[in-house]
Amino acid sequence: TRVTPVAVSYVTQGVSESMSLGEFMKVWSGMVFLAFPGDKAIEPDYAAHHRDELLTKAKGWLMWGGIIALFLYLVISNGIYRHISTVLLTILDIGGLYLTYLLLQKSLKIKNPTADRVCGVLQEGGCDSVLEMKASKFFGIFSWSEVGFAYFSVSLLALLMFPQWIRYLALCNVCCLPFTFWSIWYQRFRAHKWCTLCVSVQATLWLLFFCYLSGGWLKGVFPFRIEFFVLGVTYLTVLLLLNRIMPQFDNTVINYESNETNSQA
């Protein structure tokens, strides 16, 4: 007995899709491309392409190997491993950096399966809705994802490179806490949408605070020294730099989507 399929499955641009048999027959041109293996069949310039592929992978491994080696050197040489609070602070800064990286991708509308899964925990589509609102920008200039990425990146590097500044890092963290109340209030009572990534960032800020508090790093902050102001200028400089280059990524995404639409048309 021959079974007639009710749907046709296919792959377009690496994405699995399907449509009903009737719809497929309407758009199908009637042509089929069939490929058969041959003894002499080979990709043109296969050796050169394979070499380039290996070199690209090697560069990636070398880059990550260098990052890990530098990270371990800073952790060991600056004694980060000696105190449980500094170890936890490092882990939380890395976690916050990753969360804000996902938020940056969301704000640029770059598809990331991990970000989509995380955002769907509290409310499906909540992250996209919140990031589209005017309140998602600080003073209407900087997106909160940019502010968060700048904060966690500078905090992590300062902790690893200048651990003697940890008290000023703790003070900067305390200054961020009022924002967490406003963010939760806004999502609950104004937006009526929950951004899981945003809530996760707020939780990370509070976990950092408790680590600073339990480690005794909030003591001896006053009087301020020049290092505190240098740290503040660094936060602002990184934020301005990130805000300057973000439109370039935005234009790249727009051009890519435009090319994809034109190619499909």
Protein backbone atom coordinates (compact mmCIF):
# COMPACT_ATOMS: atom_id res chain seq x y z
CA THR A 1 0.00 0.00 0.00
CA ARG A 2 1.40 3.38 -0.98
CA VAL A 3 1.07 6.12 1.63
CA THR A 4 0.65 9.68 0.35
CA PRO A 5 2.44 12.23 2.55
CA VAL A 6 0.29 14.98 4.03
CA ALA A 7 3.25 17.33 4.57
CA VAL A 8 6.62 18.00 2.97
CA SER A 9 9.66 18.67 5.15
CA TYR A 10 12.71 20.52 3.87
CA VAL A 11 15.68 22.61 4.98
CA THR A 12 16.07 26.30 4.07
CA GLN A 13 19.20 28.20 5.08
CA GLY A 14 19.93 25.51 7.67
CA VAL A 15 16.45 25.77 9.23
CA SER A 16 14.05 22.80 9.14
CA GLU A 17 10.63 23.77 7.79
CA SER A 18 7.52 22.02 6.50
CA MET A 19 4.34 22.77 4.58
CA SER A 20 1.28 20.87 3.49
CA LEU A 21 1.52 18.80 0.34
CA GLY A 22 -1.07 20.97 -1.39
CA GLU A 23 0.84 24.20 -0.72
CA PHE A 24 4.09 22.57 -1.82
CA MET A 25 2.60 21.45 -5.14
CA LYS A 26 1.42 25.01 -5.82
CA VAL A 27 4.91 26.57 -5.44
CA TRP A 28 7.01 23.66 -6.74
CA SER A 29 8.47 24.26 -10.21
CA GLY A 30 8.47 20.55 -10.99
CA MET A 31 12.26 20.39 -11.18
CA VAL A 32 14.37 18.13 -8.94
CA PHE A 33 18.11 18.28 -8.42
CA LEU A 34 19.62 14.86 -7.66
CA ALA A 35 23.23 14.30 -6.62
CA PHE A 36 24.98 10.94 -7.01
CA PRO A 37 28.42 9.98 -5.62
CA GLY A 38 31.23 9.41 -8.05
CA ASP A 39 34.73 8.00 -7.73
CA LYS A 40 36.32 11.27 -8.86
CA ALA A 41 33.82 13.63 -7.27
CA ILE A 42 35.51 16.18 -5.01
CA GLU A 43 35.00 19.75 -3.90
CA PRO A 44 37.04 22.19 -6.04
CA ASP A 45 40.19 23.31 -4.17
CA TYR A 46 39.25 20.98 -1.32
CA ALA A 47 42.80 20.86 0.11
CA ALA A 48 43.02 24.66 0.35
CA HIS A 49 39.55 24.95 1.87
CA HIS A 50 40.31 22.22 4.40
CA ARG A 51 43.57 23.95 5.37
CA ASP A 52 41.75 27.27 5.84
CA GLU A 53 39.11 25.56 7.96
CA LEU A 54 41.76 24.00 10.21
CA LEU A 55 43.56 27.34 10.56
CA THR A 56 40.30 29.08 11.51
CA LYS A 57 39.61 26.47 14.18
CA ALA A 58 43.21 26.70 15.41
CA LYS A 59 42.95 30.49 15.78
CA GLY A 60 39.80 30.06 17.83
CA TRP A 61 41.41 27.50 20.11
CA LEU A 62 44.51 29.67 20.51
CA MET A 63 42.40 32.70 21.38
CA TRP A 64 40.42 30.86 24.07
CA GLY A 65 43.58 29.16 25.31
CA GLY A 66 45.22 32.56 25.72
CA ILE A 67 42.19 33.98 27.53
CA ILE A 68 42.06 31.04 29.94
CA ALA A 69 45.82 31.20 30.56
CA LEU A 70 45.69 34.95 31.31
CA PHE A 71 42.65 34.44 33.55
CA LEU A 72 44.36 31.72 35.58
CA TYR A 73 47.55 33.80 35.85
CA LEU A 74 45.64 36.81 37.23
CA VAL A 75 43.63 34.64 39.64
CA ILE A 76 46.77 33.01 41.03
CA SER A 77 49.20 35.94 40.95
CA ASN A 78 46.73 38.36 42.59
CA GLY A 79 45.53 35.84 45.17
CA ILE A 80 41.89 35.81 44.05
CA TYR A 81 41.68 32.14 44.99
CA ARG A 82 42.63 32.78 48.62
CA HIS A 83 39.24 34.16 49.70
CA ILE A 84 35.90 32.49 49.01
CA SER A 85 34.22 35.87 48.53
CA THR A 86 36.60 36.94 45.75
CA VAL A 87 36.17 33.57 44.04
CA LEU A 88 32.38 34.00 44.13
CA LEU A 89 32.67 37.60 42.97
CA THR A 90 34.67 36.46 39.95
CA ILE A 91 32.15 33.77 39.08
CA LEU A 92 29.21 36.18 39.47
CA ASP A 93 30.89 38.84 37.32
CA ILE A 94 31.44 36.26 34.59
CA GLY A 95 27.81 35.15 34.89
CA GLY A 96 26.56 38.74 34.74
CA LEU A 97 28.77 39.41 31.74
CA TYR A 98 27.26 36.44 29.91
CA LEU A 99 23.69 37.47 30.78
CA THR A 100 24.23 41.02 29.52
CA TYR A 101 25.91 39.60 26.40
CA LEU A 102 22.70 37.68 25.70
CA LEU A 103 20.73 40.88 26.34
CA LEU A 104 22.91 42.73 23.85
CA GLN A 105 22.17 40.07 21.25
CA LYS A 106 18.46 40.36 22.03
CA SER A 107 18.55 44.15 21.61
CA LEU A 108 20.29 43.69 18.23
CA LYS A 109 17.72 41.04 17.27
CA ILE A 110 20.47 38.46 16.81
CA LYS A 111 18.90 35.02 17.15
CA ASN A 112 20.43 32.97 19.95
CA PRO A 113 18.71 29.71 21.02
CA THR A 114 20.16 30.00 24.54
CA ALA A 115 18.77 33.51 25.00
CA ASP A 116 15.38 32.39 23.67
CA ARG A 117 15.23 29.47 26.11
CA VAL A 118 16.21 31.63 29.10
CA CYS A 119 13.75 34.37 28.16
CA GLY A 120 10.92 31.87 27.98
CA VAL A 121 11.32 30.80 31.62
CA LEU A 122 9.20 33.58 33.16
CA GLN A 123 7.20 34.69 30.13
CA GLU A 124 7.38 33.79 26.46
CA GLY A 125 8.46 36.84 24.46
CA GLY A 126 8.83 38.94 27.61
CA CYS A 127 12.43 39.94 26.93
CA ASP A 128 11.64 41.18 23.43
CA SER A 129 8.66 43.21 24.67
CA VAL A 130 10.59 44.88 27.50
CA LEU A 131 13.61 45.67 25.34
CA GLU A 132 11.38 47.42 22.81
CA MET A 133 10.10 49.90 25.41
CA LYS A 134 11.50 53.41 25.88
CA ALA A 135 12.37 52.62 29.48
CA SER A 136 14.92 50.07 28.25
CA LYS A 137 17.29 52.99 27.57
CA PHE A 138 19.19 54.96 30.20
CA PHE A 139 18.47 58.67 29.63
CA GLY A 140 17.19 57.60 26.20
CA ILE A 141 20.82 57.15 25.04
CA PHE A 142 22.29 53.97 26.47
CA SER A 143 20.44 50.68 26.50
CA TRP A 144 20.42 48.97 29.88
CA SER A 145 22.07 45.96 28.23
CA GLU A 146 25.02 48.23 27.29
CA VAL A 147 25.17 49.62 30.83
CA GLY A 148 25.14 46.11 32.29
CA PHE A 149 27.79 44.78 29.90
CA ALA A 150 30.06 47.75 30.68
CA TYR A 151 29.53 47.28 34.43
CA PHE A 152 30.29 43.57 34.57
CA SER A 153 33.22 43.70 32.12
CA VAL A 154 34.97 46.54 33.97
CA SER A 155 34.20 45.00 37.38
CA LEU A 156 35.65 41.65 36.33
CA LEU A 157 38.83 43.11 34.84
CA ALA A 158 39.34 45.48 37.78
CA LEU A 159 38.92 42.61 40.26
CA LEU A 160 41.41 40.45 38.38
CA MET A 161 43.99 43.16 37.66
CA PHE A 162 43.59 45.52 40.64
CA PRO A 163 42.17 43.47 43.55
CA GLN A 164 43.23 46.25 45.93
CA TRP A 165 40.33 48.30 44.46
CA ILE A 166 37.76 45.78 45.67
CA ARG A 167 36.25 48.18 48.23
CA TYR A 168 35.48 50.67 45.49
CA LEU A 169 33.99 47.88 43.39
CA ALA A 170 31.76 47.10 46.36
CA LEU A 171 30.68 50.75 46.57
CA CYS A 172 29.85 50.81 42.84
CA ASN A 173 27.75 47.70 43.35
CA VAL A 174 25.78 49.39 46.14
CA CYS A 175 25.13 52.34 43.81
CA CYS A 176 23.55 49.92 41.30
CA LEU A 177 21.09 48.38 43.75
CA PRO A 178 18.39 51.12 43.58
CA PHE A 179 18.07 50.35 39.86
CA THR A 180 17.08 46.77 40.67
CA PHE A 181 14.01 47.95 42.61
CA TRP A 182 12.98 50.25 39.77
CA SER A 183 13.46 47.53 37.14
CA ILE A 184 11.31 44.97 38.99
CA TRP A 185 8.66 47.61 39.73
CA TYR A 186 8.54 48.73 36.11
CA GLN A 187 8.19 45.19 34.73
CA ARG A 188 5.50 44.33 37.26
CA PHE A 189 3.32 47.45 37.24
CA ARG A 190 4.08 49.33 34.01
CA ALA A 191 5.25 46.87 31.38
CA HIS A 192 3.20 43.92 32.70
CA LYS A 193 5.88 41.78 31.07
CA TRP A 194 8.74 39.84 32.61
CA CYS A 195 12.19 39.83 31.04
CA THR A 196 13.91 36.74 32.47
CA LEU A 197 17.37 37.95 31.48
CA CYS A 198 16.73 41.34 33.12
CA VAL A 199 15.51 39.72 36.35
CA SER A 200 18.56 37.43 36.31
CA VAL A 201 20.86 40.44 36.05
CA GLN A 202 19.12 42.10 39.02
CA ALA A 203 19.53 38.89 41.03
CA THR A 204 23.22 38.78 40.12
CA LEU A 205 23.71 42.35 41.40
CA TRP A 206 22.22 41.37 44.75
CA LEU A 207 24.31 38.22 44.97
CA LEU A 208 27.38 40.39 44.34
CA PHE A 209 26.28 42.70 47.15
CA PHE A 210 25.98 39.83 49.63
CA CYS A 211 29.43 38.57 48.60
CA TYR A 212 30.96 42.03 49.14
CA LEU A 213 29.13 42.31 52.47
CA SER A 214 30.10 38.87 53.76
CA GLY A 215 33.70 39.40 52.70
CA GLY A 216 33.91 42.65 54.66
CA TRP A 217 34.75 44.64 51.55
CA LEU A 218 32.32 47.46 52.31
CA LYS A 219 34.48 48.61 55.22
CA GLY A 220 37.11 51.32 54.87
CA VAL A 221 35.61 52.85 51.71
CA PHE A 222 35.90 56.42 53.00
CA PRO A 223 37.66 58.70 52.41
CA PHE A 224 37.66 58.36 48.64
CA ARG A 225 40.98 58.03 46.86
CA ILE A 226 41.87 58.71 43.25
CA GLU A 227 41.34 55.02 42.37
CA PHE A 228 37.58 55.39 42.94
CA PHE A 229 37.33 58.17 40.38
CA VAL A 230 39.56 56.28 37.94
CA LEU A 231 37.19 53.34 38.25
CA GLY A 232 34.18 55.57 37.58
CA VAL A 233 35.82 57.08 34.50
CA THR A 234 36.62 53.57 33.25
CA TYR A 235 32.99 52.51 33.57
CA LEU A 236 31.88 55.59 31.64
CA THR A 237 34.56 55.21 28.94
CA VAL A 238 33.72 51.57 28.27
CA LEU A 239 30.01 52.43 28.15
CA LEU A 240 30.62 55.25 25.64
CA LEU A 241 32.84 53.00 23.54
CA LEU A 242 30.26 50.23 23.53
CA ASN A 243 27.49 52.68 22.65
CA ARG A 244 29.63 53.96 19.78
CA ILE A 245 30.25 50.56 18.20
CA MET A 246 26.81 49.04 18.79
CA PRO A 247 25.21 50.84 15.79
CA GLN A 248 27.81 49.18 13.57
CA PHE A 249 26.61 45.75 14.67
CA ASP A 250 23.03 46.93 14.24
CA ASN A 251 23.72 47.98 10.64
CA THR A 252 25.45 44.67 9.96
CA VAL A 253 22.39 42.76 11.16
CA ILE A 254 20.04 44.94 9.08
CA ASN A 255 22.14 44.48 5.94
CA TYR A 256 22.31 40.73 6.51
CA GLU A 257 18.54 40.43 6.94
CA SER A 258 18.02 42.59 3.85
CA ASN A 259 20.29 40.35 1.79
CA GLU A 260 18.50 37.26 3.10
CA THR A 261 15.12 38.72 2.09
CA ASN A 262 16.37 39.66 -1.37
CA SER A 263 17.88 36.22 -1.94
CA GLN A 264 14.63 34.49 -0.93
CA ALA A 265 12.61 36.81 -3.18
